[in-house]
């Protein structure tokens, strides 16, 4: 049960001089938390122990603190160790070296007849069970020497036995180190999952290159990707991801919105970091929505310099009858074969490969291709991706959709600017994904309520303005979502 909590039951008289202003943000916080149904707080109930403070009251305290830029009693930056790197490539490198050394030592042990030969499952690397078995045999070998030394009373013989025991003991020590290191590397790989790094102080955090650093340089810091959907500079939905790349977060974030927030609107607007063949397919084919998302080379392709560059494949004439492209040296690049490529996440892309007839005497060869002498220029054409890019270019060239896309920067960016600059929220004070997600939710709620309170105060002043005889209020339906990524 909870301790009794009732804001309407006042025992002491209220000092009217200390009454909160009509549009104070504390009242907004109170209205919001009071609107939450009681069923939402049932998971916090405990049958034993002292009655806890009501979570409704605690939420009000925390949320009011966040709106006033009070996030923790300690400095937030001091809560994270910024330079505890663990990199996948390093772990893979040391793990490979460990395998080589263990195989080499195993061969030495067999050669010196210290351990018996075992039937290995894999000739490339010893399994965990095989490593433990070898360690047991080494321990038995050392213990045999220990027993002989204890049983012998001859000083010279004891000295000889100790000398013979020295090598097996050293082997045993190194072998136990191999076992411990292999377990550590396996544990590291489990933490990595699909990532390339993690922090020792927060396994869920990934090292990312931030826009600014503690010494104003480009060093890496552990962080999270915060995905945010906005409308009218209000945060509508958010999620936390450990991977630093933009394209890999869009699909799971859209799933999060549909499962836990609201139905997706007609237009999904995002910057170039989200534009990819897989994301376009998901939005158009699976979700039946319109993606207003550019791609990495979009701005470059719109420049006159690129459109006039004769070495750009997009500017080469194509003959559909011959199924061939013509290069600046008037050589034909004819269709050779089709290629299907899979990325490490399993997504497949199809390409049509075209090869030039003859590049041997081409004056543009050094600028056009890096192929070795004797080889000719090849180009890979992804027709599906080209159609998607043309579709995106057509959407952004239209007046309505182009205007919607241009609104993105003035809708999303102010939310993060307000969060970081005005609230001063630039570091998490907790660790691990679930706790970070909760803290991020409080921060976005604080941003929304400060904006709402300010807008309500402005509207209230308009009502009181006697010079305005009529004020009309218009409510807008959410018909597009703006996305942004921040680390």
Protein backbone atom coordinates (compact mmCIF):
# COMPACT_ATOMS: atom_id res chain seq x y z
CA UNK A 1 0.00 0.00 0.00
CA UNK A 2 0.96 3.68 -0.37
CA UNK A 3 0.99 6.46 2.17
CA UNK A 4 -2.13 8.63 2.04
CA UNK A 5 -1.80 11.30 -0.63
CA UNK A 6 -4.55 13.88 -1.26
CA UNK A 7 -3.78 17.38 -2.49
CA UNK A 8 -7.37 18.53 -1.95
CA UNK A 9 -7.32 17.78 1.79
CA UNK A 10 -5.59 20.84 3.29
CA UNK A 11 -4.95 20.97 7.05
CA UNK A 12 -3.07 24.25 7.41
CA UNK A 13 -4.36 27.55 5.96
CA UNK A 14 -2.73 28.61 2.70
CA UNK A 15 -0.83 31.90 2.53
CA UNK A 16 -2.49 33.65 -0.41
CA UNK A 17 0.68 35.67 -1.06
CA UNK A 18 2.45 32.40 -1.91
CA UNK A 19 -0.20 31.19 -4.30
CA UNK A 20 1.20 29.93 -7.58
CA UNK A 21 0.55 32.00 -10.71
CA UNK A 22 -2.28 30.88 -12.90
CA UNK A 23 0.02 29.58 -15.65
CA UNK A 24 2.74 28.14 -13.44
CA UNK A 25 4.26 24.96 -14.86
CA UNK A 26 3.69 23.14 -11.55
CA UNK A 27 -0.04 23.26 -12.27
CA UNK A 28 0.53 21.74 -15.70
CA UNK A 29 2.56 18.94 -14.14
CA UNK A 30 -0.16 18.34 -11.56
CA UNK A 31 -2.91 18.18 -14.19
CA UNK A 32 -0.90 15.75 -16.31
CA UNK A 33 -0.01 13.33 -13.50
CA UNK A 34 -3.52 13.44 -12.02
CA UNK A 35 -4.92 12.38 -15.39
CA UNK A 36 -2.99 9.11 -15.24
CA UNK A 37 -5.36 6.26 -14.21
CA UNK A 38 -4.74 4.44 -10.93
CA UNK A 39 -4.19 1.15 -12.76
CA UNK A 40 -0.88 2.50 -14.09
CA UNK A 41 0.55 2.65 -10.55
CA UNK A 42 -0.47 -0.86 -9.45
CA UNK A 43 2.92 -2.42 -10.40
CA UNK A 44 4.51 -0.24 -7.69
CA UNK A 45 2.39 -1.73 -4.90
CA UNK A 46 4.20 -3.81 -2.26
CA UNK A 47 2.46 -6.05 0.27
CA UNK A 48 5.28 -5.95 2.84
CA UNK A 49 7.38 -3.25 4.40
CA UNK A 50 6.64 0.35 5.26
CA UNK A 51 4.05 2.06 3.03
CA UNK A 52 5.84 3.94 0.25
CA UNK A 53 5.22 7.46 -0.91
CA UNK A 54 2.63 7.49 -3.64
CA UNK A 55 4.33 7.24 -7.08
CA UNK A 56 1.95 9.92 -8.35
CA UNK A 57 3.53 12.38 -5.92
CA UNK A 58 7.06 11.19 -6.74
CA UNK A 59 6.44 11.64 -10.45
CA UNK A 60 5.30 15.21 -9.85
CA UNK A 61 8.45 15.96 -7.87
CA UNK A 62 10.76 14.46 -10.50
CA UNK A 63 8.95 16.07 -13.43
CA UNK A 64 8.91 19.50 -11.80
CA UNK A 65 12.62 19.14 -11.14
CA UNK A 66 13.31 18.27 -14.78
CA UNK A 67 11.38 21.29 -16.01
CA UNK A 68 13.66 23.44 -13.83
CA UNK A 69 16.87 21.75 -15.14
CA UNK A 70 17.42 19.79 -11.91
CA UNK A 71 18.39 16.28 -12.99
CA UNK A 72 20.56 14.94 -10.19
CA UNK A 73 22.13 15.93 -6.93
CA UNK A 74 25.51 15.13 -8.42
CA UNK A 75 27.22 16.30 -11.59
CA UNK A 76 25.85 14.18 -14.38
CA UNK A 77 29.16 13.88 -16.25
CA UNK A 78 30.87 12.38 -13.19
CA UNK A 79 28.54 9.39 -13.32
CA UNK A 80 30.13 7.87 -16.44
CA UNK A 81 33.66 6.78 -17.18
CA UNK A 82 34.32 8.34 -20.56
CA UNK A 83 37.45 6.44 -21.58
CA UNK A 84 36.73 2.74 -21.01
CA UNK A 85 36.89 1.51 -24.58
CA UNK A 86 36.31 -2.10 -25.60
CA UNK A 87 36.52 -2.64 -29.36
CA UNK A 88 35.30 -5.62 -31.36
CA UNK A 89 38.31 -5.61 -33.69
CA UNK A 90 40.73 -5.74 -30.78
CA UNK A 91 38.83 -8.58 -29.13
CA UNK A 92 38.71 -10.53 -32.40
CA UNK A 93 42.44 -9.92 -32.93
CA UNK A 94 43.45 -11.07 -29.43
CA UNK A 95 41.06 -14.03 -29.60
CA UNK A 96 42.70 -15.17 -32.84
CA UNK A 97 46.14 -14.82 -31.31
CA UNK A 98 44.96 -16.80 -28.28
CA UNK A 99 43.80 -19.64 -30.55
CA UNK A 100 47.17 -19.75 -32.30
CA UNK A 101 49.10 -19.76 -29.02
CA UNK A 102 46.92 -22.47 -27.47
CA UNK A 103 47.35 -24.67 -30.55
CA UNK A 104 51.09 -24.12 -30.48
CA UNK A 105 51.34 -24.97 -26.77
CA UNK A 106 49.16 -28.04 -27.24
CA UNK A 107 51.60 -29.31 -29.88
CA UNK A 108 54.52 -28.65 -27.52
CA UNK A 109 52.83 -30.57 -24.72
CA UNK A 110 52.27 -33.54 -27.02
CA UNK A 111 55.83 -33.41 -28.27
CA UNK A 112 57.20 -33.43 -24.71
CA UNK A 113 54.71 -36.17 -23.74
CA UNK A 114 53.36 -34.12 -20.85
CA UNK A 115 49.73 -34.82 -21.80
CA UNK A 116 48.11 -37.56 -23.89
CA UNK A 117 46.69 -36.80 -27.32
CA UNK A 118 42.97 -36.03 -27.52
CA UNK A 119 40.46 -36.42 -30.34
CA UNK A 120 39.71 -32.80 -31.25
CA UNK A 121 36.34 -31.60 -32.53
CA UNK A 122 37.94 -28.87 -34.62
CA UNK A 123 41.48 -28.82 -35.91
CA UNK A 124 41.46 -25.01 -36.05
CA UNK A 125 40.70 -24.29 -32.39
CA UNK A 126 40.36 -26.14 -29.11
CA UNK A 127 36.85 -26.15 -27.61
CA UNK A 128 36.12 -25.03 -24.05
CA UNK A 129 35.82 -28.63 -22.88
CA UNK A 130 39.14 -29.55 -24.51
CA UNK A 131 40.88 -26.61 -22.87
CA UNK A 132 39.58 -27.71 -19.46
CA UNK A 133 40.61 -31.32 -20.16
CA UNK A 134 44.18 -30.25 -21.00
CA UNK A 135 44.28 -28.13 -17.83
CA UNK A 136 43.22 -31.16 -15.76
CA UNK A 137 45.93 -33.32 -17.33
CA UNK A 138 48.55 -30.64 -16.65
CA UNK A 139 47.38 -30.42 -13.05
CA UNK A 140 47.62 -34.20 -12.68
CA UNK A 141 51.14 -34.11 -14.12
CA UNK A 142 52.24 -31.42 -11.66
CA UNK A 143 50.60 -33.21 -8.71
CA UNK A 144 52.48 -36.38 -9.61
CA UNK A 145 55.74 -34.49 -9.29
CA UNK A 146 54.53 -33.00 -5.97
CA UNK A 147 53.91 -36.47 -4.58
CA UNK A 148 57.31 -37.71 -5.70
CA UNK A 149 59.04 -34.73 -4.11
CA UNK A 150 57.21 -35.26 -0.81
CA UNK A 151 58.02 -38.98 -0.82
CA UNK A 152 61.73 -38.54 -1.57
CA UNK A 153 64.26 -37.93 1.20
CA UNK A 154 67.23 -37.55 -1.13
CA UNK A 155 68.11 -33.85 -1.48
CA UNK A 156 69.68 -34.26 -4.91
CA UNK A 157 66.67 -36.23 -6.18
CA UNK A 158 64.25 -33.66 -4.80
CA UNK A 159 66.19 -30.92 -6.55
CA UNK A 160 66.04 -32.84 -9.83
CA UNK A 161 62.30 -33.42 -9.48
CA UNK A 162 61.69 -29.73 -8.79
CA UNK A 163 63.65 -28.88 -11.91
CA UNK A 164 61.51 -31.26 -13.98
CA UNK A 165 58.31 -29.88 -12.42
CA UNK A 166 59.15 -26.30 -13.39
CA UNK A 167 58.15 -26.56 -17.08
CA UNK A 168 54.76 -28.28 -16.45
CA UNK A 169 53.91 -25.68 -13.78
CA UNK A 170 54.66 -22.85 -16.19
CA UNK A 171 52.59 -24.56 -18.87
CA UNK A 172 49.73 -24.99 -16.42
CA UNK A 173 49.85 -21.31 -15.42
CA UNK A 174 49.82 -20.14 -19.04
CA UNK A 175 47.07 -22.63 -19.92
CA UNK A 176 44.83 -21.41 -17.10
CA UNK A 177 45.41 -17.88 -18.38
CA UNK A 178 44.28 -19.04 -21.84
CA UNK A 179 41.03 -20.39 -20.36
CA UNK A 180 40.34 -17.17 -18.43
CA UNK A 181 41.06 -14.97 -21.43
CA UNK A 182 38.91 -17.05 -23.76
CA UNK A 183 35.96 -16.75 -21.35
CA UNK A 184 36.52 -13.00 -21.22
CA UNK A 185 36.58 -12.70 -25.02
CA UNK A 186 33.42 -14.79 -25.31
CA UNK A 187 31.74 -12.54 -22.75
CA UNK A 188 32.84 -9.46 -24.72
CA UNK A 189 31.37 -10.85 -27.94
CA UNK A 190 28.05 -11.52 -26.18
CA UNK A 191 27.95 -7.89 -25.06
CA UNK A 192 28.85 -6.58 -28.53
CA UNK A 193 26.01 -8.36 -30.35
CA UNK A 194 25.91 -6.33 -33.60
CA UNK A 195 27.96 -3.41 -32.26
CA UNK A 196 31.65 -2.62 -32.71
CA UNK A 197 32.30 -1.27 -29.21
CA UNK A 198 30.98 -0.90 -25.68
CA UNK A 199 31.84 0.85 -22.45
CA UNK A 200 33.08 -1.10 -19.43
CA UNK A 201 31.00 1.08 -17.11
CA UNK A 202 27.80 0.77 -19.18
CA UNK A 203 27.59 -2.32 -21.36
CA UNK A 204 24.62 -0.94 -23.32
CA UNK A 205 26.44 2.27 -24.32
CA UNK A 206 28.36 2.39 -27.61
CA UNK A 207 31.26 4.67 -28.39
CA UNK A 208 30.15 7.33 -30.86
CA UNK A 209 31.67 10.44 -32.34
CA UNK A 210 29.77 13.40 -30.90
CA UNK A 211 29.55 16.91 -32.31
CA UNK A 212 31.48 18.35 -29.38
CA UNK A 213 33.75 16.87 -26.75
CA UNK A 214 35.13 17.69 -23.32
CA UNK A 215 38.20 19.24 -24.91
CA UNK A 216 36.32 20.52 -27.97
CA UNK A 217 37.74 17.90 -30.30
CA UNK A 218 36.46 14.83 -32.10
CA UNK A 219 37.14 12.13 -29.52
CA UNK A 220 34.74 9.27 -29.03
CA UNK A 221 32.42 9.02 -26.06
CA UNK A 222 30.01 6.33 -24.85
CA UNK A 223 26.46 7.25 -25.76
CA UNK A 224 23.03 6.24 -27.02
CA UNK A 225 21.10 7.10 -30.17
CA UNK A 226 17.91 8.94 -29.24
CA UNK A 227 15.25 8.59 -31.91
CA UNK A 228 12.50 11.20 -31.71
CA UNK A 229 9.26 11.83 -33.60
CA UNK A 230 7.87 15.36 -33.35
CA UNK A 231 5.01 17.52 -34.55
CA UNK A 232 4.75 21.24 -33.88
CA UNK A 233 7.98 21.06 -31.83
CA UNK A 234 6.35 18.62 -29.40
CA UNK A 235 7.92 15.22 -28.72
CA UNK A 236 5.38 12.55 -29.71
CA UNK A 237 7.40 9.33 -29.47
CA UNK A 238 10.97 8.31 -28.75
CA UNK A 239 13.22 5.32 -28.33
CA UNK A 240 16.82 4.54 -27.38
CA UNK A 241 19.24 2.57 -29.56
CA UNK A 242 22.87 1.53 -28.99
CA UNK A 243 23.99 1.53 -32.63
CA UNK A 244 25.40 4.81 -34.01
CA UNK A 245 24.16 4.46 -37.61
CA UNK A 246 20.98 6.25 -38.65
CA UNK A 247 19.66 3.80 -41.22
CA UNK A 248 19.54 0.82 -38.85
CA UNK A 249 17.22 2.57 -36.38
CA UNK A 250 14.31 3.70 -38.57
CA UNK A 251 12.47 0.38 -38.99
CA UNK A 252 12.62 -0.67 -35.30
CA UNK A 253 11.61 2.86 -34.29
CA UNK A 254 8.57 2.78 -36.57
CA UNK A 255 7.67 -0.56 -35.00
CA UNK A 256 7.95 1.02 -31.55
CA UNK A 257 5.63 3.87 -32.57
CA UNK A 258 2.98 1.55 -33.98
CA UNK A 259 3.11 -0.84 -31.02
CA UNK A 260 3.23 1.66 -28.16
CA UNK A 261 2.30 5.17 -29.30
CA UNK A 262 -0.02 5.83 -32.26
CA UNK A 263 -0.87 4.98 -35.86
CA UNK A 264 1.68 6.27 -38.35
CA UNK A 265 0.59 9.36 -40.32
CA UNK A 266 0.60 9.74 -44.08
CA UNK A 267 4.00 11.40 -44.39
CA UNK A 268 7.19 10.24 -42.67
CA UNK A 269 9.79 12.98 -42.86
CA UNK A 270 13.46 12.39 -42.04
CA UNK A 271 16.90 13.62 -43.01
CA UNK A 272 19.42 11.98 -45.32
CA UNK A 273 20.76 9.69 -42.62
CA UNK A 274 17.64 7.53 -42.91
CA UNK A 275 17.52 7.22 -46.70
CA UNK A 276 18.29 3.67 -47.81
CA UNK A 277 16.84 1.07 -50.14
CA UNK A 278 15.66 -1.09 -47.24
CA UNK A 279 13.99 1.82 -45.42
CA UNK A 280 12.21 3.05 -48.55
CA UNK A 281 10.89 -0.47 -49.19
CA UNK A 282 9.64 -0.78 -45.62
CA UNK A 283 7.84 2.57 -45.57
CA UNK A 284 6.29 2.30 -49.05
CA UNK A 285 5.51 -1.40 -49.38
CA UNK A 286 5.00 -2.62 -45.81
CA UNK A 287 3.53 0.45 -44.12
CA UNK A 288 1.84 2.08 -47.14
CA UNK A 289 3.16 5.52 -46.20
CA UNK A 290 4.92 8.30 -48.11
CA UNK A 291 8.60 8.74 -47.20
CA UNK A 292 9.91 12.28 -47.46
CA UNK A 293 13.50 11.26 -46.83
CA UNK A 294 16.57 12.26 -48.78
CA UNK A 295 19.64 10.05 -49.15
CA UNK A 296 23.35 10.64 -48.64
CA UNK A 297 24.19 11.84 -52.17
CA UNK A 298 20.96 13.80 -52.71
CA UNK A 299 22.38 17.31 -52.28
CA UNK A 300 25.48 16.49 -54.29
CA UNK A 301 23.38 15.14 -57.16
CA UNK A 302 21.35 18.37 -57.27
CA UNK A 303 24.41 20.56 -57.86
CA UNK A 304 25.15 21.83 -61.37
CA UNK A 305 28.75 20.65 -61.10
CA UNK A 306 27.60 17.06 -60.60
CA UNK A 307 24.98 17.22 -63.33
CA UNK A 308 27.59 18.52 -65.79
CA UNK A 309 30.36 16.13 -64.77
CA UNK A 310 30.99 13.80 -67.77
CA UNK A 311 32.54 11.15 -65.54
CA UNK A 312 29.39 10.69 -63.47
CA UNK A 313 27.69 7.44 -64.54
CA UNK A 314 24.27 9.05 -64.04
CA UNK A 315 25.14 11.45 -66.90
CA UNK A 316 26.10 8.72 -69.41
CA UNK A 317 23.64 8.05 -72.26
CA UNK A 318 21.82 4.73 -72.07
CA UNK A 319 20.61 2.78 -75.10
CA UNK A 320 17.75 0.45 -74.08
CA UNK A 321 17.87 -1.47 -77.38
CA UNK A 322 21.53 -2.42 -76.97
CA UNK A 323 21.28 -2.39 -73.16
CA UNK A 324 24.49 -0.40 -73.02
CA UNK A 325 25.89 2.84 -71.63
CA UNK A 326 28.20 5.17 -73.52
CA UNK A 327 31.19 6.65 -71.67
CA UNK A 328 32.79 10.07 -72.37
CA UNK A 329 35.28 8.34 -74.74
CA UNK A 330 32.37 7.00 -76.84
CA UNK A 331 33.02 3.43 -75.73
CA UNK A 332 30.12 1.07 -75.06
CA UNK A 333 29.62 -0.50 -71.65
CA UNK A 334 27.49 -3.54 -72.43
CA UNK A 335 25.50 -5.68 -70.03
CA UNK A 336 27.66 -8.47 -68.61
CA UNK A 337 25.75 -10.23 -65.83
CA UNK A 338 23.54 -9.78 -62.79
CA UNK A 339 24.88 -9.70 -59.24
CA UNK A 340 23.09 -10.18 -55.92
CA UNK A 341 24.80 -8.87 -52.81
CA UNK A 342 23.82 -9.36 -49.17
CA UNK A 343 24.92 -7.04 -46.41
CA UNK A 344 25.81 -8.30 -42.93
CA UNK A 345 22.22 -7.73 -41.79
CA UNK A 346 20.81 -10.01 -44.51
CA UNK A 347 19.32 -7.39 -46.85
CA UNK A 348 19.74 -8.30 -50.53
CA UNK A 349 20.46 -5.86 -53.36
CA UNK A 350 20.40 -6.66 -57.08
CA UNK A 351 22.82 -5.10 -59.56
CA UNK A 352 23.23 -5.21 -63.33
CA UNK A 353 26.92 -5.24 -64.21
CA UNK A 354 28.11 -3.45 -67.37
CA UNK A 355 31.65 -3.68 -68.74
CA UNK A 356 33.47 -1.47 -71.22
CA UNK A 357 34.61 -2.91 -74.54
CA UNK A 358 38.05 -1.35 -74.45
CA UNK A 359 39.68 1.05 -71.97
CA UNK A 360 43.29 0.51 -73.02
CA UNK A 361 43.83 3.81 -74.88
CA UNK A 362 41.24 5.94 -73.08
CA UNK A 363 42.51 9.47 -72.18
CA UNK A 364 40.15 9.51 -69.15
CA UNK A 365 41.30 6.15 -67.76
CA UNK A 366 43.20 7.53 -64.75
CA UNK A 367 40.18 9.65 -63.72
CA UNK A 368 37.48 7.18 -64.72
CA UNK A 369 38.60 3.89 -63.19
CA UNK A 370 41.03 2.32 -60.74
CA UNK A 371 41.08 -0.99 -62.60
CA UNK A 372 44.49 -2.55 -63.21
CA UNK A 373 46.08 -2.49 -66.64
CA UNK A 374 44.42 -5.02 -68.90
CA UNK A 375 41.10 -4.74 -67.07
CA UNK A 376 38.23 -2.56 -68.25
CA UNK A 377 35.81 -0.24 -66.47
CA UNK A 378 32.83 -1.88 -64.83
CA UNK A 379 29.73 -0.22 -63.43
CA UNK A 380 27.07 -1.71 -61.17
CA UNK A 381 23.54 -0.38 -61.72
CA UNK A 382 20.94 -0.89 -59.01
CA UNK A 383 17.74 -0.20 -60.94
CA UNK A 384 15.48 -0.53 -57.91
CA UNK A 385 17.54 2.02 -55.95
CA UNK A 386 17.57 4.39 -58.95
CA UNK A 387 13.75 4.23 -59.11
CA UNK A 388 13.53 4.99 -55.41
CA UNK A 389 15.85 7.99 -55.80
CA UNK A 390 13.82 9.28 -58.73
CA UNK A 391 10.63 8.90 -56.65
CA UNK A 392 12.21 10.86 -53.79
CA UNK A 393 13.41 13.60 -56.13
CA UNK A 394 9.93 13.89 -57.62
CA UNK A 395 8.31 14.18 -54.17
CA UNK A 396 10.71 16.85 -52.96
CA UNK A 397 10.29 18.86 -56.15
CA UNK A 398 6.52 19.17 -55.63
CA UNK A 399 5.26 22.25 -53.80
CA UNK A 400 3.28 20.53 -51.02
CA UNK A 401 5.69 17.72 -50.13
CA UNK A 402 8.73 19.95 -50.62
CA UNK A 403 7.31 22.44 -48.13
CA UNK A 404 6.67 19.66 -45.63
CA UNK A 405 10.26 18.45 -45.89
CA UNK A 406 11.63 21.96 -45.40
CA UNK A 407 9.67 22.18 -42.13
CA UNK A 408 11.68 19.31 -40.66
CA UNK A 409 14.63 21.38 -39.50
CA UNK A 410 12.42 23.95 -37.77
CA UNK A 411 10.31 21.24 -36.13
CA UNK A 412 12.84 18.71 -34.86
CA UNK A 413 15.98 20.69 -34.19
CA UNK A 414 14.39 23.15 -31.72
CA UNK A 415 13.31 20.24 -29.49
CA UNK A 416 16.90 19.06 -29.06
CA UNK A 417 18.13 22.62 -28.85
CA UNK A 418 15.69 23.34 -26.03
CA UNK A 419 16.59 20.07 -24.32
CA UNK A 420 20.33 20.73 -24.38
CA UNK A 421 20.65 24.50 -24.27
CA UNK A 422 17.68 25.57 -22.14
CA UNK A 423 17.22 22.57 -19.87
CA UNK A 424 20.95 21.79 -19.84
CA UNK A 425 20.30 18.08 -20.39
CA UNK A 426 23.45 16.84 -22.15
CA UNK A 427 24.40 13.72 -20.16
CA UNK A 428 22.49 10.80 -18.71
CA UNK A 429 22.79 10.32 -14.97
CA UNK A 430 21.90 6.60 -15.08
CA UNK A 431 23.20 3.53 -16.89
CA UNK A 432 21.75 0.67 -18.96
CA UNK A 433 19.07 0.99 -21.61
CA UNK A 434 15.89 0.73 -19.53
CA UNK A 435 16.97 3.34 -16.99
CA UNK A 436 18.26 5.64 -19.73
CA UNK A 437 14.95 5.29 -21.58
CA UNK A 438 13.00 6.29 -18.46
CA UNK A 439 15.20 9.33 -17.86
CA UNK A 440 14.88 10.37 -21.49
CA UNK A 441 11.11 10.15 -21.18
CA UNK A 442 11.09 12.51 -18.20
CA UNK A 443 13.29 14.95 -20.10
CA UNK A 444 11.01 15.01 -23.16
CA UNK A 445 7.96 15.37 -20.93
CA UNK A 446 9.63 18.39 -19.33
CA UNK A 447 10.29 19.90 -22.76
CA UNK A 448 6.68 19.35 -23.83
CA UNK A 449 5.21 20.82 -20.66
CA UNK A 450 7.40 23.91 -20.71
CA UNK A 451 6.36 24.56 -24.29
CA UNK A 452 2.71 23.86 -23.52
CA UNK A 453 2.73 26.11 -20.45
CA UNK A 454 4.38 28.94 -22.39
CA UNK A 455 1.87 28.58 -25.24
CA UNK A 456 -1.06 28.54 -22.78
CA UNK A 457 0.25 31.65 -21.05
CA UNK A 458 0.59 33.42 -24.41
CA UNK A 459 -2.94 32.40 -25.38
CA UNK A 460 -4.27 33.60 -22.01
CA UNK A 461 -2.71 37.00 -22.56
CA UNK A 462 -4.39 37.18 -25.95
CA UNK A 463 -7.78 36.57 -24.36
CA UNK A 464 -7.16 39.40 -21.96
CA UNK A 465 -6.18 41.78 -24.73
CA UNK A 466 -9.26 44.01 -25.11
CA UNK A 467 -8.04 45.33 -28.44
CA UNK A 468 -8.73 41.97 -30.02
CA UNK A 469 -12.47 41.46 -30.38
CA UNK A 470 -12.34 37.91 -31.66
CA UNK A 471 -9.86 35.09 -31.28
CA UNK A 472 -10.17 31.89 -33.23
CA UNK A 473 -8.51 28.66 -32.10
CA UNK A 474 -7.61 26.07 -34.71
CA UNK A 475 -6.69 22.51 -33.83
CA UNK A 476 -4.43 20.69 -36.26
CA UNK A 477 -4.49 16.98 -36.92
CA UNK A 478 -1.10 15.28 -36.96
CA UNK A 479 -0.51 14.36 -40.59
CA UNK A 480 3.24 14.07 -40.66
CA UNK A 481 6.03 13.09 -38.29
CA UNK A 482 9.49 14.52 -38.25
CA UNK A 483 12.38 12.32 -37.24
CA UNK A 484 15.79 13.17 -35.94
CA UNK A 485 18.71 11.30 -34.42
CA UNK A 486 20.94 12.54 -31.66
CA UNK A 487 23.70 10.82 -29.76
